[in-house]
Amino acid sequence: MAREVLNRSASDKLKTIPLSNDTIRSRIQEMSEDIKQQTTARIKTNKYYLLQLDESTDFVNHAIFLVCVRHVWDGDFQEQFLCSRKRPITTTAGDILNTVDSYLVRWA
């Protein structure tokens, strides 16, 4: 497919890139870590930001929290996924606050 879109030379170069499961997993983890660090740094530089939480349950009835953050970056509003957390205990306001707080403290 690369040969069709690009050319034979580019296709041959792409074949030299290692694509084992370990290589791909490692690269995805590196990109994820980089995104977390960039998002955290952007949040730290903003005086105001908004956290949006969504709670759902999975097939074994565990609560899952999804957290998104909205902030201003370079004069434009940005919305980014921040984290997801499984919570097998109750979903009281205190549980939700502790879950989000522990994540933010860890990355602050």
C-alpha atoms as a PDB file:
ATOM      1  CA  MET A   1       0.000   0.000   0.000  1.00  0.00           C
ATOM      2  CA  ALA A   2       2.868   2.385   0.797  1.00  0.00           C
ATOM      3  CA  ARG A   3       4.277   1.766  -2.660  1.00  0.00           C
ATOM      4  CA  GLU A   4       0.962   2.853  -4.210  1.00  0.00           C
ATOM      5  CA  VAL A   5       0.642   5.996  -2.110  1.00  0.00           C
ATOM      6  CA  LEU A   6       4.303   7.023  -1.946  1.00  0.00           C
ATOM      7  CA  ASN A   7       6.920   5.283  -4.085  1.00  0.00           C
ATOM      8  CA  ARG A   8       9.079   2.165  -4.082  1.00  0.00           C
ATOM      9  CA  SER A   9      11.952   3.842  -2.208  1.00  0.00           C
ATOM     10  CA  ALA A  10       9.668   5.009   0.612  1.00  0.00           C
ATOM     11  CA  SER A  11       8.038   1.590   0.740  1.00  0.00           C
ATOM     12  CA  ASP A  12      11.429  -0.103   1.122  1.00  0.00           C
ATOM     13  CA  LYS A  13      12.366   2.288   3.950  1.00  0.00           C
ATOM     14  CA  LEU A  14       9.131   1.507   5.777  1.00  0.00           C
ATOM     15  CA  LYS A  15       9.926  -2.213   5.627  1.00  0.00           C
ATOM     16  CA  THR A  16      13.092  -1.622   7.668  1.00  0.00           C
ATOM     17  CA  ILE A  17      11.135  -0.260  10.654  1.00  0.00           C
ATOM     18  CA  PRO A  18      10.706  -2.946  13.333  1.00  0.00           C
ATOM     19  CA  LEU A  19       7.034  -3.581  14.047  1.00  0.00           C
ATOM     20  CA  SER A  20       7.051  -6.263  16.720  1.00  0.00           C
ATOM     21  CA  ASN A  21       4.370  -6.177  19.411  1.00  0.00           C
ATOM     22  CA  ASP A  22       6.939  -5.064  21.987  1.00  0.00           C
ATOM     23  CA  THR A  23       8.135  -2.216  19.774  1.00  0.00           C
ATOM     24  CA  ILE A  24       4.614  -0.984  19.111  1.00  0.00           C
ATOM     25  CA  ARG A  25       3.547  -1.313  22.755  1.00  0.00           C
ATOM     26  CA  SER A  26       6.651   0.558  23.872  1.00  0.00           C
ATOM     27  CA  ARG A  27       6.090   3.340  21.346  1.00  0.00           C
ATOM     28  CA  ILE A  28       2.441   3.725  22.347  1.00  0.00           C
ATOM     29  CA  GLN A  29       3.454   3.932  26.015  1.00  0.00           C
ATOM     30  CA  GLU A  30       6.060   6.589  25.188  1.00  0.00           C
ATOM     31  CA  MET A  31       3.537   8.657  23.239  1.00  0.00           C
ATOM     32  CA  SER A  32       0.970   8.287  26.031  1.00  0.00           C
ATOM     33  CA  GLU A  33       3.492   9.452  28.622  1.00  0.00           C
ATOM     34  CA  ASP A  34       4.430  12.425  26.446  1.00  0.00           C
ATOM     35  CA  ILE A  35       0.787  13.442  26.026  1.00  0.00           C
ATOM     36  CA  LYS A  36       0.227  13.172  29.799  1.00  0.00           C
ATOM     37  CA  GLN A  37       3.240  15.388  30.471  1.00  0.00           C
ATOM     38  CA  GLN A  38       2.184  17.979  27.885  1.00  0.00           C
ATOM     39  CA  THR A  39      -1.394  18.065  29.157  1.00  0.00           C
ATOM     40  CA  THR A  40      -0.239  18.370  32.772  1.00  0.00           C
ATOM     41  CA  ALA A  41       2.184  21.169  31.883  1.00  0.00           C
ATOM     42  CA  ARG A  42      -0.550  23.044  30.032  1.00  0.00           C
ATOM     43  CA  ILE A  43      -2.937  22.713  32.960  1.00  0.00           C
ATOM     44  CA  LYS A  44      -0.271  24.014  35.343  1.00  0.00           C
ATOM     45  CA  THR A  45       0.232  27.142  33.236  1.00  0.00           C
ATOM     46  CA  ASN A  46      -3.480  27.975  33.167  1.00  0.00           C
ATOM     47  CA  LYS A  47      -5.097  29.915  35.948  1.00  0.00           C
ATOM     48  CA  TYR A  48      -8.437  28.297  35.139  1.00  0.00           C
ATOM     49  CA  TYR A  49      -9.385  24.922  33.763  1.00  0.00           C
ATOM     50  CA  LEU A  50     -12.453  22.721  33.774  1.00  0.00           C
ATOM     51  CA  LEU A  51     -12.630  19.036  34.641  1.00  0.00           C
ATOM     52  CA  GLN A  52     -15.427  16.999  33.145  1.00  0.00           C
ATOM     53  CA  LEU A  53     -16.170  13.606  34.679  1.00  0.00           C
ATOM     54  CA  ASP A  54     -18.283  10.832  33.291  1.00  0.00           C
ATOM     55  CA  GLU A  55     -19.092   7.687  35.240  1.00  0.00           C
ATOM     56  CA  SER A  56     -20.116   4.418  33.696  1.00  0.00           C
ATOM     57  CA  THR A  57     -20.084   0.750  34.662  1.00  0.00           C
ATOM     58  CA  ASP A  58     -18.406  -2.108  32.854  1.00  0.00           C
ATOM     59  CA  PHE A  59     -19.754  -5.621  32.302  1.00  0.00           C
ATOM     60  CA  VAL A  60     -18.730  -6.786  35.805  1.00  0.00           C
ATOM     61  CA  ASN A  61     -20.451  -3.793  37.432  1.00  0.00           C
ATOM     62  CA  HIS A  62     -17.285  -1.829  38.275  1.00  0.00           C
ATOM     63  CA  ALA A  63     -17.516   1.932  38.093  1.00  0.00           C
ATOM     64  CA  ILE A  64     -15.253   3.596  35.543  1.00  0.00           C
ATOM     65  CA  PHE A  65     -14.504   7.306  35.675  1.00  0.00           C
ATOM     66  CA  LEU A  66     -13.488   9.163  32.532  1.00  0.00           C
ATOM     67  CA  VAL A  67     -11.936  12.565  33.110  1.00  0.00           C
ATOM     68  CA  CYS A  68     -11.509  15.237  30.433  1.00  0.00           C
ATOM     69  CA  VAL A  69      -9.954  18.650  30.900  1.00  0.00           C
ATOM     70  CA  ARG A  70     -10.772  21.875  29.097  1.00  0.00           C
ATOM     71  CA  HIS A  71      -8.353  24.776  29.108  1.00  0.00           C
ATOM     72  CA  VAL A  72      -7.045  27.626  26.981  1.00  0.00           C
ATOM     73  CA  TRP A  73      -3.834  27.060  25.030  1.00  0.00           C
ATOM     74  CA  ASP A  74      -2.404  29.521  22.495  1.00  0.00           C
ATOM     75  CA  GLY A  75      -5.605  31.560  22.660  1.00  0.00           C
ATOM     76  CA  ASP A  76      -7.839  28.626  21.758  1.00  0.00           C
ATOM     77  CA  PHE A  77      -9.966  26.289  23.859  1.00  0.00           C
ATOM     78  CA  GLN A  78      -8.561  22.775  24.114  1.00  0.00           C
ATOM     79  CA  GLU A  79     -10.319  19.638  25.318  1.00  0.00           C
ATOM     80  CA  GLN A  80      -8.209  16.622  26.148  1.00  0.00           C
ATOM     81  CA  PHE A  81      -8.780  13.246  27.706  1.00  0.00           C
ATOM     82  CA  LEU A  82      -6.981  13.203  31.035  1.00  0.00           C
ATOM     83  CA  CYS A  83      -7.458   9.739  32.516  1.00  0.00           C
ATOM     84  CA  SER A  84      -9.763   6.838  33.226  1.00  0.00           C
ATOM     85  CA  ARG A  85      -9.969   5.026  36.521  1.00  0.00           C
ATOM     86  CA  LYS A  86     -11.737   1.871  37.648  1.00  0.00           C
ATOM     87  CA  ARG A  87     -13.507   2.085  40.956  1.00  0.00           C
ATOM     88  CA  PRO A  88     -14.978  -1.180  42.292  1.00  0.00           C
ATOM     89  CA  ILE A  89     -16.354   0.589  45.375  1.00  0.00           C
ATOM     90  CA  THR A  90     -19.233   3.009  45.746  1.00  0.00           C
ATOM     91  CA  THR A  91     -19.399   6.166  43.649  1.00  0.00           C
ATOM     92  CA  THR A  92     -20.119   8.728  46.328  1.00  0.00           C
ATOM     93  CA  ALA A  93     -18.958  12.304  45.849  1.00  0.00           C
ATOM     94  CA  GLY A  94     -16.057  11.579  48.215  1.00  0.00           C
ATOM     95  CA  ASP A  95     -14.953   8.541  46.194  1.00  0.00           C
ATOM     96  CA  ILE A  96     -15.034  10.554  42.992  1.00  0.00           C
ATOM     97  CA  LEU A  97     -13.106  13.442  44.549  1.00  0.00           C
ATOM     98  CA  ASN A  98     -10.473  11.096  46.000  1.00  0.00           C
ATOM     99  CA  THR A  99     -10.024   9.320  42.670  1.00  0.00           C
ATOM    100  CA  VAL A 100      -9.522  12.507  40.681  1.00  0.00           C
ATOM    101  CA  ASP A 101      -7.467  14.147  43.408  1.00  0.00           C
ATOM    102  CA  SER A 102      -5.058  11.197  43.654  1.00  0.00           C
ATOM    103  CA  TYR A 103      -4.462  11.375  39.894  1.00  0.00           C
ATOM    104  CA  LEU A 104      -3.902  15.132  39.899  1.00  0.00           C
ATOM    105  CA  VAL A 105      -1.584  15.013  42.900  1.00  0.00           C
ATOM    106  CA  ARG A 106       0.456  12.280  41.233  1.00  0.00           C
ATOM    107  CA  TRP A 107       0.924  14.349  38.076  1.00  0.00           C
ATOM    108  CA  ALA A 108       1.209  17.777  39.712  1.00  0.00           C
END
